[in-house]
């Protein structure tokens, strides 16, 4: 009886560790996807800022120079 109880506890612990590892892998996968998403999002935002800045500089009514901007 004691051996069966010990075997059950070992199986339960192995299952618990396997589930914990699966959750860790899923979390790591989500983190990688979020990191990639934010990198792309920041790259697009940077391009939009550059384009906006170039458009402001190129507009004929623009009296500001790069040196006057903070």
Protein backbone atom coordinates (compact mmCIF):
# COMPACT_ATOMS: atom_id res chain seq x y z
CA UNK A 1 0.00 0.00 0.00
CA UNK A 2 2.79 2.38 0.90
CA UNK A 3 4.55 1.63 -2.41
CA UNK A 4 1.39 2.38 -4.38
CA UNK A 5 0.95 5.67 -2.56
CA UNK A 6 4.55 6.61 -3.22
CA UNK A 7 4.16 5.71 -6.92
CA UNK A 8 1.02 7.83 -7.15
CA UNK A 9 2.80 10.81 -5.57
CA UNK A 10 5.73 10.45 -7.96
CA UNK A 11 3.39 10.35 -10.95
CA UNK A 12 1.51 13.38 -9.68
CA UNK A 13 4.77 15.27 -9.22
CA UNK A 14 5.96 14.34 -12.73
CA UNK A 15 2.64 15.48 -14.18
CA UNK A 16 2.84 18.73 -12.22
CA UNK A 17 6.38 19.38 -13.48
CA UNK A 18 5.36 18.58 -17.07
CA UNK A 19 2.44 21.03 -16.85
CA UNK A 20 4.71 23.67 -15.34
CA UNK A 21 7.22 23.22 -18.18
CA UNK A 22 4.42 23.46 -20.78
CA UNK A 23 3.22 26.74 -19.22
CA UNK A 24 6.80 28.06 -19.21
CA UNK A 25 7.23 27.24 -22.90
CA UNK A 26 3.92 28.88 -23.74
CA UNK A 27 4.88 32.01 -21.79
CA UNK A 28 8.25 32.16 -23.53
CA UNK A 29 6.56 31.78 -26.91
CA UNK A 30 4.15 34.61 -26.11
CA UNK A 31 7.02 36.79 -24.95
CA UNK A 32 8.92 36.22 -28.20
CA UNK A 33 5.84 37.06 -30.28
CA UNK A 34 5.14 40.21 -28.25
CA UNK A 35 8.77 41.31 -28.56
CA UNK A 36 8.68 40.85 -32.34
CA UNK A 37 5.37 42.73 -32.54
CA UNK A 38 6.71 45.67 -30.53
CA UNK A 39 9.90 45.80 -32.61
CA UNK A 40 7.85 45.98 -35.82
CA UNK A 41 5.50 48.52 -34.27
CA UNK A 42 8.41 50.74 -33.16
CA UNK A 43 10.03 50.47 -36.60
CA UNK A 44 6.80 51.59 -38.29
CA UNK A 45 6.38 54.40 -35.78
CA UNK A 46 9.95 55.55 -36.42
CA UNK A 47 9.31 55.58 -40.16
CA UNK A 48 6.13 57.61 -39.67
CA UNK A 49 7.97 60.13 -37.49
CA UNK A 50 10.77 60.45 -40.06
CA UNK A 51 8.26 60.91 -42.88
CA UNK A 52 6.29 63.51 -40.94
CA UNK A 53 9.47 65.41 -40.06
CA UNK A 54 10.59 65.36 -43.72
CA UNK A 55 7.17 66.59 -44.87
CA UNK A 56 7.27 69.45 -42.38
CA UNK A 57 10.74 70.46 -43.52
CA UNK A 58 9.79 70.22 -47.20
CA UNK A 59 6.61 72.29 -46.91
CA UNK A 60 7.02 75.77 -48.49
CA UNK A 61 5.52 77.61 -45.52
CA UNK A 62 7.92 76.04 -43.04
CA UNK A 63 10.06 78.67 -41.33
CA UNK A 64 11.56 76.39 -38.71
CA UNK A 65 14.95 74.89 -39.24
CA UNK A 66 16.37 71.77 -37.66
CA UNK A 67 18.50 73.91 -35.37
CA UNK A 68 15.52 75.69 -33.84
CA UNK A 69 13.78 72.46 -32.84
CA UNK A 70 14.42 71.28 -29.28
